[in-house]
Protein backbone atom coordinates (compact mmCIF):
# COMPACT_ATOMS: atom_id res chain seq x y z
CA MET A 1 6.22 -7.59 -24.72
CA GLU A 2 7.03 -11.18 -25.02
CA GLU A 3 5.18 -13.83 -26.12
CA LYS A 4 6.56 -15.87 -23.22
CA TYR A 5 8.18 -15.11 -20.13
CA ASP A 6 10.50 -17.27 -18.28
CA PHE A 7 9.87 -17.38 -14.36
CA GLU A 8 12.03 -20.42 -13.34
CA ASN A 9 14.52 -18.18 -12.03
CA MET A 10 12.40 -16.30 -9.93
CA LYS A 11 11.98 -19.47 -7.65
CA GLY A 12 13.11 -19.05 -3.91
CA ARG A 13 13.54 -14.85 -4.28
CA LYS A 14 11.84 -12.90 -2.18
CA ASN A 15 9.94 -10.08 -3.52
CA PRO A 16 11.56 -7.04 -3.14
CA TYR A 17 8.37 -4.60 -2.64
CA ALA A 18 6.66 -6.99 0.29
CA SER A 19 7.59 -4.02 2.25
CA LYS A 20 5.35 -1.74 0.99
CA LEU A 21 2.76 -4.06 0.64
CA LYS A 22 -0.58 -3.35 2.23
CA GLN A 23 -1.95 -4.86 4.95
CA GLN A 24 -6.21 -5.27 4.90
CA ILE A 25 -7.89 -3.93 8.61
CA THR A 26 -11.13 -3.25 9.64
CA ILE A 27 -12.08 -0.12 11.86
CA LYS A 28 -14.69 2.07 12.24
CA VAL A 29 -15.41 5.50 11.39
CA GLU A 30 -18.49 7.90 12.15
CA THR A 31 -20.56 7.61 9.43
CA ASP A 32 -19.95 11.79 8.40
CA ILE A 33 -16.18 11.40 8.48
CA LEU A 34 -17.03 8.59 5.75
CA GLU A 35 -19.80 10.96 3.67
CA TYR A 36 -16.46 13.42 3.67
CA PHE A 37 -13.91 10.89 2.31
CA GLN A 38 -17.08 9.55 -0.56
CA SER A 39 -17.59 12.96 -1.26
CA ARG A 40 -14.05 13.96 -2.16
CA SER A 41 -14.02 10.76 -3.76
CA LYS A 42 -16.74 11.81 -6.69
CA GLU A 43 -14.88 15.15 -6.59
CA THR A 44 -11.54 13.62 -7.64
CA GLY A 45 -12.42 10.44 -9.67
CA ILE A 46 -10.07 8.76 -7.03
CA PRO A 47 -11.69 5.32 -4.98
CA CYS A 48 -12.76 6.12 -1.91
CA GLN A 49 -10.58 3.28 -0.02
CA GLN A 50 -7.31 5.26 -1.84
CA LEU A 51 -8.35 8.27 -1.44
CA ILE A 52 -8.20 7.55 2.49
CA ASN A 53 -5.17 5.80 2.43
CA LEU A 54 -3.16 8.67 0.58
CA TYR A 55 -4.63 11.24 3.07
CA LEU A 56 -2.76 9.35 5.81
CA ARG A 57 -0.09 8.61 4.45
CA ASP A 58 0.32 12.66 3.98
CA CYS A 59 0.11 12.87 7.89
CA VAL A 60 2.59 9.48 8.43
CA VAL A 61 4.90 11.77 5.86
CA SER A 62 4.23 14.96 7.37
CA ASN A 63 4.71 13.82 10.85
CA ARG A 64 1.05 15.47 11.56
CA LYS A 65 0.02 14.43 15.22
CA PRO A 66 -3.53 14.44 16.06
CA VAL A 67 -4.73 17.57 17.82
CA LEU A 68 -6.92 15.92 21.05
CA THR A 69 -9.39 18.41 22.42
CA TRP A 70 -11.67 17.23 25.60
CA VAL A 71 -14.86 18.51 26.48
CA SER A 72 -16.29 18.39 29.71
């Protein structure tokens, strides 16, 4: 590693990873769903929030559609 870094040339340049940044949201999930991900988190050592994000990413990549069943 260098002792000093010169960031003067970085002024005005856009972050190339900006499209990959995360956006904070607030959602309500049922208790059993949260407990499920929390238990998987303890098993895997992956933080719960990251685990949920990984699962949602897998849904996007796989183009997975939710299965909706209506009970009357």
